[in-house]
Amino acid sequence: MNMAIRPEKGTRFTMHDSEYEVQYVYQNNIRYAAVAGGKMFNISVDNFNNLNTENTITITFVSKLTITEENIGIVMKKKQFVDALILAFP
């Protein structure tokens, strides 16, 4: 199930076998660019969410970490790794 989101800068998604990255979000507008080539596009947040709901786009990377029941183990391992690095390199 796809949920409505407000993508942040750095969010990556695929659409029509091409990969894109969100470059800028202001009010209800999203500017995104093709990862290969850098061509820029604009879309509203509502249209972005409609495409996400219709599975026209697939979000591949979210710039902010979302903790879920499925990824809590991985998140905790990453936290332990960072904690160990902090202690090793004061």
N, C-alpha and C. Protein backbone atom coordinates (compact mmCIF):
# COMPACT_ATOMS: atom_id res chain seq x y z
N MET A 1 0.84 -1.19 0.00
CA MET A 1 0.00 0.00 0.00
C MET A 1 0.88 1.24 0.00
N ASN A 2 0.67 2.13 -0.93
CA ASN A 2 1.41 3.37 -1.00
C ASN A 2 0.68 4.45 -0.23
N MET A 3 1.44 5.18 0.57
CA MET A 3 0.86 6.25 1.37
C MET A 3 1.25 7.59 0.77
N ALA A 4 0.41 8.58 1.01
CA ALA A 4 0.74 9.93 0.57
C ALA A 4 1.92 10.43 1.39
N ILE A 5 2.91 10.98 0.71
CA ILE A 5 4.08 11.51 1.39
C ILE A 5 4.37 12.90 0.86
N ARG A 6 5.16 13.62 1.58
CA ARG A 6 5.71 14.88 1.09
C ARG A 6 7.20 14.63 0.93
N PRO A 7 7.64 14.37 -0.29
CA PRO A 7 9.04 14.01 -0.48
C PRO A 7 9.97 15.16 -0.11
N GLU A 8 11.12 14.80 0.41
CA GLU A 8 12.14 15.77 0.77
C GLU A 8 13.24 15.75 -0.29
N LYS A 9 14.08 16.76 -0.27
CA LYS A 9 15.22 16.80 -1.17
C LYS A 9 16.05 15.53 -0.98
N GLY A 10 16.43 14.91 -2.07
CA GLY A 10 17.22 13.68 -2.01
C GLY A 10 16.41 12.41 -2.20
N THR A 11 15.08 12.50 -2.12
CA THR A 11 14.24 11.33 -2.35
C THR A 11 14.42 10.87 -3.79
N ARG A 12 14.65 9.57 -3.97
CA ARG A 12 14.82 9.02 -5.32
C ARG A 12 13.64 8.11 -5.66
N PHE A 13 13.30 8.11 -6.94
CA PHE A 13 12.21 7.27 -7.42
C PHE A 13 12.45 6.90 -8.87
N THR A 14 11.80 5.83 -9.30
CA THR A 14 11.86 5.42 -10.70
C THR A 14 10.50 5.64 -11.33
N MET A 15 10.53 6.00 -12.61
CA MET A 15 9.31 6.18 -13.38
C MET A 15 9.65 5.87 -14.83
N HIS A 16 8.90 4.98 -15.45
CA HIS A 16 9.12 4.60 -16.85
C HIS A 16 10.57 4.16 -17.07
N ASP A 17 11.07 3.32 -16.18
CA ASP A 17 12.42 2.75 -16.27
C ASP A 17 13.53 3.79 -16.22
N SER A 18 13.28 4.95 -15.67
CA SER A 18 14.31 5.97 -15.47
C SER A 18 14.32 6.36 -14.00
N GLU A 19 15.51 6.75 -13.50
CA GLU A 19 15.63 7.12 -12.09
C GLU A 19 15.69 8.64 -11.97
N TYR A 20 14.99 9.17 -10.96
CA TYR A 20 14.92 10.60 -10.71
C TYR A 20 15.22 10.89 -9.25
N GLU A 21 15.62 12.13 -8.99
CA GLU A 21 15.88 12.57 -7.63
C GLU A 21 15.21 13.91 -7.40
N VAL A 22 14.55 14.06 -6.25
CA VAL A 22 13.92 15.32 -5.88
C VAL A 22 15.02 16.32 -5.56
N GLN A 23 14.99 17.47 -6.22
CA GLN A 23 16.00 18.50 -6.03
C GLN A 23 15.54 19.61 -5.10
N TYR A 24 14.23 19.90 -5.12
CA TYR A 24 13.73 21.08 -4.42
C TYR A 24 12.24 20.89 -4.15
N VAL A 25 11.82 21.25 -2.95
CA VAL A 25 10.40 21.20 -2.60
C VAL A 25 10.04 22.54 -1.96
N TYR A 26 9.03 23.20 -2.52
CA TYR A 26 8.56 24.45 -1.95
C TYR A 26 7.05 24.51 -2.09
N GLN A 27 6.38 24.73 -0.95
CA GLN A 27 4.93 24.74 -0.88
C GLN A 27 4.38 23.47 -1.51
N ASN A 28 3.67 23.56 -2.63
CA ASN A 28 3.06 22.38 -3.23
C ASN A 28 3.79 21.96 -4.52
N ASN A 29 5.01 22.45 -4.71
CA ASN A 29 5.75 22.16 -5.94
C ASN A 29 6.99 21.34 -5.66
N ILE A 30 7.25 20.39 -6.54
CA ILE A 30 8.45 19.55 -6.46
C ILE A 30 9.22 19.74 -7.76
N ARG A 31 10.52 20.00 -7.64
CA ARG A 31 11.39 20.00 -8.81
C ARG A 31 12.26 18.76 -8.69
N TYR A 32 12.27 17.96 -9.73
CA TYR A 32 13.07 16.75 -9.72
C TYR A 32 13.86 16.66 -11.01
N ALA A 33 14.92 15.85 -10.97
CA ALA A 33 15.80 15.75 -12.13
C ALA A 33 16.14 14.29 -12.38
N ALA A 34 16.38 13.99 -13.65
CA ALA A 34 16.83 12.66 -14.01
C ALA A 34 18.23 12.46 -13.45
N VAL A 35 18.48 11.30 -12.85
CA VAL A 35 19.80 11.01 -12.31
C VAL A 35 20.82 10.95 -13.45
N ALA A 36 20.44 10.34 -14.55
CA ALA A 36 21.31 10.30 -15.73
C ALA A 36 20.92 11.44 -16.65
N GLY A 37 21.78 12.41 -16.77
CA GLY A 37 21.50 13.52 -17.69
C GLY A 37 21.09 14.80 -17.00
N GLY A 38 20.40 14.73 -15.88
CA GLY A 38 20.05 15.90 -15.10
C GLY A 38 18.91 16.75 -15.61
N LYS A 39 18.15 16.28 -16.60
CA LYS A 39 17.03 17.08 -17.11
C LYS A 39 16.02 17.32 -16.00
N MET A 40 15.60 18.59 -15.85
CA MET A 40 14.71 19.00 -14.75
C MET A 40 13.25 18.94 -15.15
N PHE A 41 12.41 18.61 -14.15
CA PHE A 41 10.96 18.55 -14.32
C PHE A 41 10.31 19.14 -13.08
N ASN A 42 9.04 19.54 -13.20
CA ASN A 42 8.25 20.04 -12.07
C ASN A 42 6.96 19.26 -11.98
N ILE A 43 6.50 19.08 -10.74
CA ILE A 43 5.23 18.37 -10.49
C ILE A 43 4.69 18.87 -9.15
N SER A 44 3.39 18.83 -8.99
CA SER A 44 2.82 19.20 -7.69
C SER A 44 2.90 17.99 -6.75
N VAL A 45 2.86 18.26 -5.47
CA VAL A 45 2.89 17.18 -4.47
C VAL A 45 1.69 16.25 -4.67
N ASP A 46 0.53 16.83 -4.98
CA ASP A 46 -0.67 16.01 -5.20
C ASP A 46 -0.49 15.06 -6.39
N ASN A 47 0.05 15.57 -7.50
CA ASN A 47 0.28 14.72 -8.66
C ASN A 47 1.32 13.65 -8.37
N PHE A 48 2.36 14.02 -7.61
CA PHE A 48 3.39 13.05 -7.21
C PHE A 48 2.75 11.91 -6.43
N ASN A 49 1.90 12.25 -5.46
CA ASN A 49 1.24 11.22 -4.66
C ASN A 49 0.27 10.39 -5.48
N ASN A 50 -0.41 11.00 -6.44
CA ASN A 50 -1.29 10.23 -7.32
C ASN A 50 -0.50 9.21 -8.12
N LEU A 51 0.65 9.62 -8.67
CA LEU A 51 1.50 8.68 -9.40
C LEU A 51 2.01 7.56 -8.49
N ASN A 52 2.32 7.91 -7.26
CA ASN A 52 2.79 6.91 -6.29
C ASN A 52 1.67 5.93 -5.96
N THR A 53 0.46 6.42 -5.77
CA THR A 53 -0.69 5.57 -5.45
C THR A 53 -1.02 4.64 -6.61
N GLU A 54 -0.88 5.14 -7.83
CA GLU A 54 -1.18 4.35 -9.03
C GLU A 54 -0.02 3.42 -9.42
N ASN A 55 1.05 3.42 -8.62
CA ASN A 55 2.25 2.61 -8.89
C ASN A 55 2.93 2.98 -10.20
N THR A 56 2.73 4.20 -10.66
CA THR A 56 3.45 4.69 -11.84
C THR A 56 4.89 4.99 -11.47
N ILE A 57 5.11 5.45 -10.22
CA ILE A 57 6.46 5.65 -9.73
C ILE A 57 6.70 4.70 -8.56
N THR A 58 7.97 4.38 -8.36
CA THR A 58 8.38 3.56 -7.23
C THR A 58 9.46 4.31 -6.49
N ILE A 59 9.21 4.61 -5.23
CA ILE A 59 10.19 5.33 -4.43
C ILE A 59 11.29 4.34 -4.03
N THR A 60 12.53 4.69 -4.36
CA THR A 60 13.65 3.78 -4.12
C THR A 60 14.54 4.23 -2.96
N PHE A 61 14.48 5.50 -2.59
CA PHE A 61 15.29 6.01 -1.49
C PHE A 61 14.57 7.20 -0.88
N VAL A 62 14.42 7.17 0.44
CA VAL A 62 13.83 8.28 1.16
C VAL A 62 14.94 8.92 1.98
N SER A 63 15.09 10.23 1.83
CA SER A 63 16.22 10.91 2.46
C SER A 63 16.11 10.94 3.98
N LYS A 64 14.93 10.82 4.51
CA LYS A 64 14.76 10.76 5.96
C LYS A 64 14.42 9.33 6.35
N LEU A 65 15.05 8.86 7.41
CA LEU A 65 14.87 7.48 7.84
C LEU A 65 13.47 7.29 8.44
N THR A 66 12.78 6.30 7.95
CA THR A 66 11.48 5.92 8.50
C THR A 66 11.66 4.56 9.15
N ILE A 67 11.39 4.48 10.44
CA ILE A 67 11.55 3.22 11.16
C ILE A 67 10.22 2.48 11.15
N THR A 68 10.27 1.25 10.68
CA THR A 68 9.09 0.39 10.64
C THR A 68 9.41 -0.92 11.34
N GLU A 69 8.41 -1.76 11.52
CA GLU A 69 8.63 -3.07 12.12
C GLU A 69 9.56 -3.92 11.25
N GLU A 70 9.50 -3.71 9.94
CA GLU A 70 10.31 -4.51 9.03
C GLU A 70 11.79 -4.14 9.08
N ASN A 71 12.13 -2.85 9.32
CA ASN A 71 13.52 -2.45 9.27
C ASN A 71 14.13 -2.11 10.62
N ILE A 72 13.43 -2.34 11.71
CA ILE A 72 13.94 -1.95 13.03
C ILE A 72 15.25 -2.68 13.36
N GLY A 73 15.38 -3.94 12.96
CA GLY A 73 16.62 -4.68 13.23
C GLY A 73 17.81 -4.06 12.53
N ILE A 74 17.63 -3.69 11.27
CA ILE A 74 18.71 -3.06 10.50
C ILE A 74 19.06 -1.70 11.09
N VAL A 75 18.05 -0.93 11.48
CA VAL A 75 18.28 0.39 12.06
C VAL A 75 19.07 0.27 13.35
N MET A 76 18.73 -0.70 14.18
CA MET A 76 19.45 -0.88 15.45
C MET A 76 20.90 -1.31 15.21
N LYS A 77 21.16 -2.16 14.22
CA LYS A 77 22.53 -2.56 13.90
C LYS A 77 23.33 -1.35 13.42
N LYS A 78 22.72 -0.50 12.61
CA LYS A 78 23.42 0.70 12.14
C LYS A 78 23.73 1.64 13.30
N LYS A 79 22.79 1.75 14.22
CA LYS A 79 23.01 2.60 15.39
C LYS A 79 24.16 2.06 16.23
N GLN A 80 24.20 0.75 16.45
CA GLN A 80 25.29 0.16 17.22
C GLN A 80 26.63 0.40 16.54
N PHE A 81 26.67 0.31 15.22
CA PHE A 81 27.89 0.56 14.47
C PHE A 81 28.36 2.01 14.66
N VAL A 82 27.43 2.95 14.55
CA VAL A 82 27.78 4.36 14.72
C VAL A 82 28.24 4.62 16.15
N ASP A 83 27.55 4.03 17.13
CA ASP A 83 27.97 4.18 18.53
C ASP A 83 29.39 3.67 18.74
N ALA A 84 29.72 2.53 18.15
CA ALA A 84 31.07 1.97 18.28
C ALA A 84 32.12 2.88 17.64
N LEU A 85 31.79 3.46 16.49
CA LEU A 85 32.72 4.40 15.84
C LEU A 85 32.95 5.65 16.69
N ILE A 86 31.88 6.14 17.28
CA ILE A 86 32.01 7.35 18.13
C ILE A 86 32.93 7.06 19.31
N LEU A 87 32.79 5.89 19.91
CA LEU A 87 33.64 5.53 21.03
C LEU A 87 35.09 5.28 20.60
N ALA A 88 35.28 4.73 19.40
CA ALA A 88 36.62 4.41 18.94
C ALA A 88 37.41 5.63 18.50
N PHE A 89 36.72 6.64 18.00
CA PHE A 89 37.38 7.85 17.49
C PHE A 89 36.83 9.09 18.20
N PRO A 90 37.31 9.32 19.42
CA PRO A 90 36.78 10.48 20.17
C PRO A 90 37.22 11.82 19.61
